[in-house]
Amino acid sequence: MPQFVIEREMPGAGSLSAADLKGASQTSCNVLRELGPEIQWVQSYVTDDKIYCVYRAPDEGLIREHAEKAGFPANSVSQVRSIIDPTTAD
């Protein structure tokens, strides 16, 4: 299944409390259950003013539908074309 990186501009994201992050995660998971098994949340990275999320879905449209229903921004949605890591150099 295609994998996507979503950039969410969220000023102050890095200052969110554990309870805030838990609430956002619960909201996301509730919408994922509603949308069905075709969309999967892999993980997210929280920085000072943005959250970068990795999802699997058949297309960008389902990613954007999730964001809209969950009330999260999806400022950029990019499909992953390749994955590299240090072992790629070998």
PDB file of N, CA and C in Angstrom:
ATOM      1  N   MET A   1       0.843  -1.171   0.000  1.00  0.00           N
ATOM      2  CA  MET A   1       0.000   0.000   0.000  1.00  0.00           C
ATOM      3  C   MET A   1       0.894   1.242   0.000  1.00  0.00           C
ATOM      4  N   PRO A   2       0.533   2.273  -0.751  1.00  0.00           N
ATOM      5  CA  PRO A   2       1.351   3.487  -0.776  1.00  0.00           C
ATOM      6  C   PRO A   2       1.489   4.106   0.620  1.00  0.00           C
ATOM      7  N   GLN A   3       2.619   4.737   0.825  1.00  0.00           N
ATOM      8  CA  GLN A   3       2.894   5.414   2.093  1.00  0.00           C
ATOM      9  C   GLN A   3       3.004   6.907   1.816  1.00  0.00           C
ATOM     10  N   PHE A   4       2.529   7.720   2.753  1.00  0.00           N
ATOM     11  CA  PHE A   4       2.513   9.165   2.598  1.00  0.00           C
ATOM     12  C   PHE A   4       3.107   9.838   3.823  1.00  0.00           C
ATOM     13  N   VAL A   5       3.735  11.005   3.593  1.00  0.00           N
ATOM     14  CA  VAL A   5       4.190  11.868   4.669  1.00  0.00           C
ATOM     15  C   VAL A   5       3.291  13.100   4.641  1.00  0.00           C
ATOM     16  N   ILE A   6       2.690  13.405   5.795  1.00  0.00           N
ATOM     17  CA  ILE A   6       1.799  14.551   5.911  1.00  0.00           C
ATOM     18  C   ILE A   6       2.482  15.593   6.784  1.00  0.00           C
ATOM     19  N   GLU A   7       2.546  16.820   6.296  1.00  0.00           N
ATOM     20  CA  GLU A   7       3.087  17.930   7.072  1.00  0.00           C
ATOM     21  C   GLU A   7       1.914  18.731   7.611  1.00  0.00           C
ATOM     22  N   ARG A   8       1.845  18.853   8.930  1.00  0.00           N
ATOM     23  CA  ARG A   8       0.772  19.595   9.580  1.00  0.00           C
ATOM     24  C   ARG A   8       1.374  20.801  10.290  1.00  0.00           C
ATOM     25  N   GLU A   9       1.050  22.006   9.820  1.00  0.00           N
ATOM     26  CA  GLU A   9       1.520  23.223  10.479  1.00  0.00           C
ATOM     27  C   GLU A   9       0.653  23.458  11.704  1.00  0.00           C
ATOM     28  N   MET A  10       1.274  23.324  12.881  1.00  0.00           N
ATOM     29  CA  MET A  10       0.567  23.461  14.151  1.00  0.00           C
ATOM     30  C   MET A  10       1.456  24.247  15.117  1.00  0.00           C
ATOM     31  N   PRO A  11       1.379  25.589  15.068  1.00  0.00           N
ATOM     32  CA  PRO A  11       2.219  26.399  15.949  1.00  0.00           C
ATOM     33  C   PRO A  11       2.100  25.948  17.406  1.00  0.00           C
ATOM     34  N   GLY A  12       3.244  25.782  18.045  1.00  0.00           N
ATOM     35  CA  GLY A  12       3.275  25.369  19.438  1.00  0.00           C
ATOM     36  C   GLY A  12       3.152  23.875  19.655  1.00  0.00           C
ATOM     37  N   ALA A  13       3.175  23.088  18.591  1.00  0.00           N
ATOM     38  CA  ALA A  13       3.007  21.639  18.721  1.00  0.00           C
ATOM     39  C   ALA A  13       4.015  21.027  19.685  1.00  0.00           C
ATOM     40  N   GLY A  14       5.225  21.528  19.676  1.00  0.00           N
ATOM     41  CA  GLY A  14       6.264  20.984  20.541  1.00  0.00           C
ATOM     42  C   GLY A  14       6.015  21.221  22.019  1.00  0.00           C
ATOM     43  N   SER A  15       5.093  22.118  22.330  1.00  0.00           N
ATOM     44  CA  SER A  15       4.765  22.418  23.727  1.00  0.00           C
ATOM     45  C   SER A  15       3.503  21.707  24.194  1.00  0.00           C
ATOM     46  N   LEU A  16       2.900  20.891  23.332  1.00  0.00           N
ATOM     47  CA  LEU A  16       1.689  20.173  23.729  1.00  0.00           C
ATOM     48  C   LEU A  16       2.005  19.205  24.865  1.00  0.00           C
ATOM     49  N   SER A  17       1.089  19.095  25.790  1.00  0.00           N
ATOM     50  CA  SER A  17       1.279  18.181  26.915  1.00  0.00           C
ATOM     51  C   SER A  17       1.037  16.743  26.472  1.00  0.00           C
ATOM     52  N   ALA A  18       1.432  15.818  27.320  1.00  0.00           N
ATOM     53  CA  ALA A  18       1.169  14.402  27.043  1.00  0.00           C
ATOM     54  C   ALA A  18      -0.334  14.162  26.911  1.00  0.00           C
ATOM     55  N   ALA A  19      -1.123  14.846  27.719  1.00  0.00           N
ATOM     56  CA  ALA A  19      -2.583  14.699  27.646  1.00  0.00           C
ATOM     57  C   ALA A  19      -3.122  15.232  26.318  1.00  0.00           C
ATOM     58  N   ASP A  20      -2.564  16.355  25.847  1.00  0.00           N
ATOM     59  CA  ASP A  20      -2.982  16.909  24.548  1.00  0.00           C
ATOM     60  C   ASP A  20      -2.657  15.941  23.423  1.00  0.00           C
ATOM     61  N   LEU A  21      -1.453  15.378  23.453  1.00  0.00           N
ATOM     62  CA  LEU A  21      -1.040  14.428  22.415  1.00  0.00           C
ATOM     63  C   LEU A  21      -1.890  13.164  22.471  1.00  0.00           C
ATOM     64  N   LYS A  22      -2.212  12.723  23.672  1.00  0.00           N
ATOM     65  CA  LYS A  22      -3.082  11.558  23.813  1.00  0.00           C
ATOM     66  C   LYS A  22      -4.454  11.842  23.226  1.00  0.00           C
ATOM     67  N   GLY A  23      -5.004  13.008  23.496  1.00  0.00           N
ATOM     68  CA  GLY A  23      -6.313  13.379  22.952  1.00  0.00           C
ATOM     69  C   GLY A  23      -6.303  13.431  21.438  1.00  0.00           C
ATOM     70  N   ALA A  24      -5.249  14.017  20.859  1.00  0.00           N
ATOM     71  CA  ALA A  24      -5.131  14.079  19.398  1.00  0.00           C
ATOM     72  C   ALA A  24      -5.017  12.674  18.815  1.00  0.00           C
ATOM     73  N   SER A  25      -4.262  11.818  19.490  1.00  0.00           N
ATOM     74  CA  SER A  25      -4.113  10.432  19.027  1.00  0.00           C
ATOM     75  C   SER A  25      -5.442   9.698  19.076  1.00  0.00           C
ATOM     76  N   GLN A  26      -6.191   9.912  20.133  1.00  0.00           N
ATOM     77  CA  GLN A  26      -7.495   9.265  20.252  1.00  0.00           C
ATOM     78  C   GLN A  26      -8.449   9.742  19.153  1.00  0.00           C
ATOM     79  N   THR A  27      -8.431  11.035  18.870  1.00  0.00           N
ATOM     80  CA  THR A  27      -9.261  11.575  17.793  1.00  0.00           C
ATOM     81  C   THR A  27      -8.888  10.935  16.465  1.00  0.00           C
ATOM     82  N   SER A  28      -7.595  10.870  16.196  1.00  0.00           N
ATOM     83  CA  SER A  28      -7.127  10.277  14.949  1.00  0.00           C
ATOM     84  C   SER A  28      -7.566   8.821  14.840  1.00  0.00           C
ATOM     85  N   CYS A  29      -7.380   8.059  15.913  1.00  0.00           N
ATOM     86  CA  CYS A  29      -7.734   6.632  15.887  1.00  0.00           C
ATOM     87  C   CYS A  29      -9.235   6.422  15.710  1.00  0.00           C
ATOM     88  N   ASN A  30     -10.045   7.280  16.310  1.00  0.00           N
ATOM     89  CA  ASN A  30     -11.493   7.168  16.139  1.00  0.00           C
ATOM     90  C   ASN A  30     -11.893   7.370  14.680  1.00  0.00           C
ATOM     91  N   VAL A  31     -11.285   8.351  14.027  1.00  0.00           N
ATOM     92  CA  VAL A  31     -11.586   8.597  12.610  1.00  0.00           C
ATOM     93  C   VAL A  31     -11.057   7.454  11.753  1.00  0.00           C
ATOM     94  N   LEU A  32      -9.886   6.929  12.080  1.00  0.00           N
ATOM     95  CA  LEU A  32      -9.344   5.790  11.333  1.00  0.00           C
ATOM     96  C   LEU A  32     -10.288   4.590  11.392  1.00  0.00           C
ATOM     97  N   ARG A  33     -10.846   4.324  12.573  1.00  0.00           N
ATOM     98  CA  ARG A  33     -11.800   3.213  12.699  1.00  0.00           C
ATOM     99  C   ARG A  33     -13.034   3.453  11.835  1.00  0.00           C
ATOM    100  N   GLU A  34     -13.472   4.692  11.790  1.00  0.00           N
ATOM    101  CA  GLU A  34     -14.640   5.061  10.969  1.00  0.00           C
ATOM    102  C   GLU A  34     -14.354   4.857   9.483  1.00  0.00           C
ATOM    103  N   LEU A  35     -13.152   5.207   9.060  1.00  0.00           N
ATOM    104  CA  LEU A  35     -12.802   5.122   7.635  1.00  0.00           C
ATOM    105  C   LEU A  35     -12.497   3.697   7.184  1.00  0.00           C
ATOM    106  N   GLY A  36     -12.124   2.839   8.102  1.00  0.00           N
ATOM    107  CA  GLY A  36     -11.872   1.447   7.743  1.00  0.00           C
ATOM    108  C   GLY A  36     -10.407   1.115   7.598  1.00  0.00           C
ATOM    109  N   PRO A  37     -10.129  -0.147   7.279  1.00  0.00           N
ATOM    110  CA  PRO A  37      -8.748  -0.655   7.306  1.00  0.00           C
ATOM    111  C   PRO A  37      -7.867  -0.214   6.143  1.00  0.00           C
ATOM    112  N   GLU A  38      -8.399   0.503   5.183  1.00  0.00           N
ATOM    113  CA  GLU A  38      -7.561   0.922   4.048  1.00  0.00           C
ATOM    114  C   GLU A  38      -6.580   2.021   4.412  1.00  0.00           C
ATOM    115  N   ILE A  39      -6.777   2.684   5.554  1.00  0.00           N
ATOM    116  CA  ILE A  39      -5.873   3.757   5.968  1.00  0.00           C
ATOM    117  C   ILE A  39      -5.278   3.389   7.312  1.00  0.00           C
ATOM    118  N   GLN A  40      -3.951   3.560   7.422  1.00  0.00           N
ATOM    119  CA  GLN A  40      -3.229   3.187   8.635  1.00  0.00           C
ATOM    120  C   GLN A  40      -2.270   4.302   9.029  1.00  0.00           C
ATOM    121  N   TRP A  41      -2.259   4.610  10.293  1.00  0.00           N
ATOM    122  CA  TRP A  41      -1.309   5.581  10.846  1.00  0.00           C
ATOM    123  C   TRP A  41      -0.080   4.809  11.286  1.00  0.00           C
ATOM    124  N   VAL A  42       1.085   5.181  10.787  1.00  0.00           N
ATOM    125  CA  VAL A  42       2.327   4.483  11.123  1.00  0.00           C
ATOM    126  C   VAL A  42       2.989   5.144  12.338  1.00  0.00           C
ATOM    127  N   GLN A  43       3.265   6.442  12.238  1.00  0.00           N
ATOM    128  CA  GLN A  43       3.860   7.193  13.345  1.00  0.00           C
ATOM    129  C   GLN A  43       3.881   8.668  13.004  1.00  0.00           C
ATOM    130  N   SER A  44       4.166   9.474  14.012  1.00  0.00           N
ATOM    131  CA  SER A  44       4.256  10.927  13.813  1.00  0.00           C
ATOM    132  C   SER A  44       5.460  11.476  14.556  1.00  0.00           C
ATOM    133  N   TYR A  45       5.976  12.584  14.041  1.00  0.00           N
ATOM    134  CA  TYR A  45       7.107  13.275  14.632  1.00  0.00           C
ATOM    135  C   TYR A  45       6.653  14.686  14.979  1.00  0.00           C
ATOM    136  N   VAL A  46       6.769  15.059  16.248  1.00  0.00           N
ATOM    137  CA  VAL A  46       6.341  16.374  16.711  1.00  0.00           C
ATOM    138  C   VAL A  46       7.565  17.272  16.812  1.00  0.00           C
ATOM    139  N   THR A  47       7.513  18.412  16.124  1.00  0.00           N
ATOM    140  CA  THR A  47       8.579  19.408  16.216  1.00  0.00           C
ATOM    141  C   THR A  47       7.975  20.662  16.856  1.00  0.00           C
ATOM    142  N   ASP A  48       8.736  21.731  16.914  1.00  0.00           N
ATOM    143  CA  ASP A  48       8.236  22.930  17.589  1.00  0.00           C
ATOM    144  C   ASP A  48       6.902  23.417  17.037  1.00  0.00           C
ATOM    145  N   ASP A  49       6.789  23.533  15.726  1.00  0.00           N
ATOM    146  CA  ASP A  49       5.598  24.133  15.120  1.00  0.00           C
ATOM    147  C   ASP A  49       4.939  23.281  14.045  1.00  0.00           C
ATOM    148  N   LYS A  50       5.342  22.021  13.943  1.00  0.00           N
ATOM    149  CA  LYS A  50       4.751  21.136  12.933  1.00  0.00           C
ATOM    150  C   LYS A  50       4.700  19.713  13.462  1.00  0.00           C
ATOM    151  N   ILE A  51       3.800  18.949  12.888  1.00  0.00           N
ATOM    152  CA  ILE A  51       3.780  17.511  13.138  1.00  0.00           C
ATOM    153  C   ILE A  51       3.871  16.837  11.774  1.00  0.00           C
ATOM    154  N   TYR A  52       4.802  15.908  11.646  1.00  0.00           N
ATOM    155  CA  TYR A  52       4.979  15.142  10.418  1.00  0.00           C
ATOM    156  C   TYR A  52       4.458  13.735  10.684  1.00  0.00           C
ATOM    157  N   CYS A  53       3.497  13.309   9.888  1.00  0.00           N
ATOM    158  CA  CYS A  53       2.867  12.007  10.089  1.00  0.00           C
ATOM    159  C   CYS A  53       3.138  11.095   8.906  1.00  0.00           C
ATOM    160  N   VAL A  54       3.296   9.815   9.192  1.00  0.00           N
ATOM    161  CA  VAL A  54       3.459   8.806   8.152  1.00  0.00           C
ATOM    162  C   VAL A  54       2.217   7.918   8.188  1.00  0.00           C
ATOM    163  N   TYR A  55       1.570   7.816   7.049  1.00  0.00           N
ATOM    164  CA  TYR A  55       0.348   7.019   6.908  1.00  0.00           C
ATOM    165  C   TYR A  55       0.469   6.106   5.697  1.00  0.00           C
ATOM    166  N   ARG A  56      -0.285   5.029   5.714  1.00  0.00           N
ATOM    167  CA  ARG A  56      -0.459   4.170   4.546  1.00  0.00           C
ATOM    168  C   ARG A  56      -1.912   4.295   4.118  1.00  0.00           C
ATOM    169  N   ALA A  57      -2.111   4.463   2.828  1.00  0.00           N
ATOM    170  CA  ALA A  57      -3.465   4.594   2.282  1.00  0.00           C
ATOM    171  C   ALA A  57      -3.399   4.357   0.777  1.00  0.00           C
ATOM    172  N   PRO A  58      -4.527   4.014   0.163  1.00  0.00           N
ATOM    173  CA  PRO A  58      -4.507   3.775  -1.275  1.00  0.00           C
ATOM    174  C   PRO A  58      -4.289   5.043  -2.101  1.00  0.00           C
ATOM    175  N   ASP A  59      -4.644   6.219  -1.514  1.00  0.00           N
ATOM    176  CA  ASP A  59      -4.479   7.455  -2.272  1.00  0.00           C
ATOM    177  C   ASP A  59      -4.500   8.666  -1.346  1.00  0.00           C
ATOM    178  N   GLU A  60      -4.103   9.800  -1.876  1.00  0.00           N
ATOM    179  CA  GLU A  60      -4.036  11.045  -1.126  1.00  0.00           C
ATOM    180  C   GLU A  60      -5.417  11.497  -0.650  1.00  0.00           C
ATOM    181  N   GLY A  61      -6.444  11.193  -1.424  1.00  0.00           N
ATOM    182  CA  GLY A  61      -7.797  11.618  -1.071  1.00  0.00           C
ATOM    183  C   GLY A  61      -8.235  11.092   0.284  1.00  0.00           C
ATOM    184  N   LEU A  62      -7.917   9.852   0.590  1.00  0.00           N
ATOM    185  CA  LEU A  62      -8.303   9.267   1.869  1.00  0.00           C
ATOM    186  C   LEU A  62      -7.515   9.913   3.017  1.00  0.00           C
ATOM    187  N   ILE A  63      -6.277  10.274   2.759  1.00  0.00           N
ATOM    188  CA  ILE A  63      -5.464  10.992   3.753  1.00  0.00           C
ATOM    189  C   ILE A  63      -6.125  12.330   4.072  1.00  0.00           C
ATOM    190  N   ARG A  64      -6.532  13.046   3.048  1.00  0.00           N
ATOM    191  CA  ARG A  64      -7.158  14.361   3.243  1.00  0.00           C
ATOM    192  C   ARG A  64      -8.528  14.234   3.918  1.00  0.00           C
ATOM    193  N   GLU A  65      -9.266  13.187   3.594  1.00  0.00           N
ATOM    194  CA  GLU A  65     -10.555  12.958   4.247  1.00  0.00           C
ATOM    195  C   GLU A  65     -10.353  12.726   5.743  1.00  0.00           C
ATOM    196  N   HIS A  66      -9.345  11.938   6.098  1.00  0.00           N
ATOM    197  CA  HIS A  66      -9.038  11.706   7.511  1.00  0.00           C
ATOM    198  C   HIS A  66      -8.728  13.032   8.209  1.00  0.00           C
ATOM    199  N   ALA A  67      -7.881  13.845   7.603  1.00  0.00           N
ATOM    200  CA  ALA A  67      -7.501  15.126   8.205  1.00  0.00           C
ATOM    201  C   ALA A  67      -8.722  16.012   8.420  1.00  0.00           C
ATOM    202  N   GLU A  68      -9.592  16.067   7.434  1.00  0.00           N
ATOM    203  CA  GLU A  68     -10.786  16.908   7.529  1.00  0.00           C
ATOM    204  C   GLU A  68     -11.703  16.419   8.650  1.00  0.00           C
ATOM    205  N   LYS A  69     -11.967  15.136   8.687  1.00  0.00           N
ATOM    206  CA  LYS A  69     -12.864  14.582   9.707  1.00  0.00           C
ATOM    207  C   LYS A  69     -12.274  14.697  11.110  1.00  0.00           C
ATOM    208  N   ALA A  70     -10.962  14.587  11.231  1.00  0.00           N
ATOM    209  CA  ALA A  70     -10.305  14.666  12.532  1.00  0.00           C
ATOM    210  C   ALA A  70     -10.081  16.112  12.978  1.00  0.00           C
ATOM    211  N   GLY A  71     -10.186  17.047  12.034  1.00  0.00           N
ATOM    212  CA  GLY A  71      -9.962  18.447  12.370  1.00  0.00           C
ATOM    213  C   GLY A  71      -8.500  18.834  12.432  1.00  0.00           C
ATOM    214  N   PHE A  72      -7.655  18.083  11.729  1.00  0.00           N
ATOM    215  CA  PHE A  72      -6.224  18.368  11.694  1.00  0.00           C
ATOM    216  C   PHE A  72      -5.863  18.997  10.357  1.00  0.00           C
ATOM    217  N   PRO A  73      -4.894  19.925  10.333  1.00  0.00           N
ATOM    218  CA  PRO A  73      -4.441  20.441   9.046  1.00  0.00           C
ATOM    219  C   PRO A  73      -3.646  19.382   8.286  1.00  0.00           C
ATOM    220  N   ALA A  74      -3.681  19.473   6.984  1.00  0.00           N
ATOM    221  CA  ALA A  74      -2.833  18.635   6.124  1.00  0.00           C
ATOM    222  C   ALA A  74      -2.268  19.584   5.076  1.00  0.00           C
ATOM    223  N   ASN A  75      -1.275  20.371   5.494  1.00  0.00           N
ATOM    224  CA  ASN A  75      -0.730  21.405   4.631  1.00  0.00           C
ATOM    225  C   ASN A  75      -0.004  20.844   3.424  1.00  0.00           C
ATOM    226  N   SER A  76       0.586  19.670   3.597  1.00  0.00           N
ATOM    227  CA  SER A  76       1.288  19.012   2.498  1.00  0.00           C
ATOM    228  C   SER A  76       1.124  17.510   2.662  1.00  0.00           C
ATOM    229  N   VAL A  77       0.786  16.838   1.563  1.00  0.00           N
ATOM    230  CA  VAL A  77       0.684  15.378   1.545  1.00  0.00           C
ATOM    231  C   VAL A  77       1.552  14.898   0.394  1.00  0.00           C
ATOM    232  N   SER A  78       2.574  14.117   0.714  1.00  0.00           N
ATOM    233  CA  SER A  78       3.516  13.650  -0.314  1.00  0.00           C
ATOM    234  C   SER A  78       3.635  12.137  -0.254  1.00  0.00           C
ATOM    235  N   GLN A  79       3.524  11.509  -1.424  1.00  0.00           N
ATOM    236  CA  GLN A  79       3.679  10.065  -1.475  1.00  0.00           C
ATOM    237  C   GLN A  79       5.165   9.702  -1.411  1.00  0.00           C
ATOM    238  N   VAL A  80       5.481   8.720  -0.585  1.00  0.00           N
ATOM    239  CA  VAL A  80       6.857   8.237  -0.462  1.00  0.00           C
ATOM    240  C   VAL A  80       7.157   7.394  -1.697  1.00  0.00           C
ATOM    241  N   ARG A  81       8.234   7.713  -2.377  1.00  0.00           N
ATOM    242  CA  ARG A  81       8.622   6.984  -3.587  1.00  0.00           C
ATOM    243  C   ARG A  81       9.717   5.961  -3.310  1.00  0.00           C
ATOM    244  N   SER A  82      10.580   6.261  -2.346  1.00  0.00           N
ATOM    245  CA  SER A  82      11.656   5.350  -1.961  1.00  0.00           C
ATOM    246  C   SER A  82      11.986   5.607  -0.503  1.00  0.00           C
ATOM    247  N   ILE A  83      12.564   4.614   0.127  1.00  0.00           N
ATOM    248  CA  ILE A  83      13.047   4.752   1.491  1.00  0.00           C
ATOM    249  C   ILE A  83      14.518   4.375   1.488  1.00  0.00           C
ATOM    250  N   ILE A  84      15.322   5.246   2.093  1.00  0.00           N
ATOM    251  CA  ILE A  84      16.746   4.955   2.217  1.00  0.00           C
ATOM    252  C   ILE A  84      17.143   5.083   3.683  1.00  0.00           C
ATOM    253  N   ASP A  85      18.231   4.437   4.038  1.00  0.00           N
ATOM    254  CA  ASP A  85      18.794   4.503   5.375  1.00  0.00           C
ATOM    255  C   ASP A  85      20.289   4.198   5.239  1.00  0.00           C
ATOM    256  N   PRO A  86      21.033   4.161   6.336  1.00  0.00           N
ATOM    257  CA  PRO A  86      22.470   3.927   6.216  1.00  0.00           C
ATOM    258  C   PRO A  86      22.843   2.649   5.484  1.00  0.00           C
ATOM    259  N   THR A  87      21.984   1.635   5.516  1.00  0.00           N
ATOM    260  CA  THR A  87      22.319   0.381   4.827  1.00  0.00           C
ATOM    261  C   THR A  87      22.236   0.526   3.308  1.00  0.00           C
ATOM    262  N   THR A  88      21.591   1.597   2.841  1.00  0.00           N
ATOM    263  CA  THR A  88      21.524   1.844   1.390  1.00  0.00           C
ATOM    264  C   THR A  88      22.922   2.079   0.814  1.00  0.00           C
ATOM    265  N   ALA A  89      23.819   2.583   1.640  1.00  0.00           N
ATOM    266  CA  ALA A  89      25.199   2.869   1.201  1.00  0.00           C
ATOM    267  C   ALA A  89      26.022   1.611   0.968  1.00  0.00           C
ATOM    268  N   ASP A  90      25.601   0.499   1.538  1.00  0.00           N
ATOM    269  CA  ASP A  90      26.368  -0.754   1.398  1.00  0.00           C
ATOM    270  C   ASP A  90      26.211  -1.380   0.045  1.00  0.00           C
TER     271      ASP A  90
END
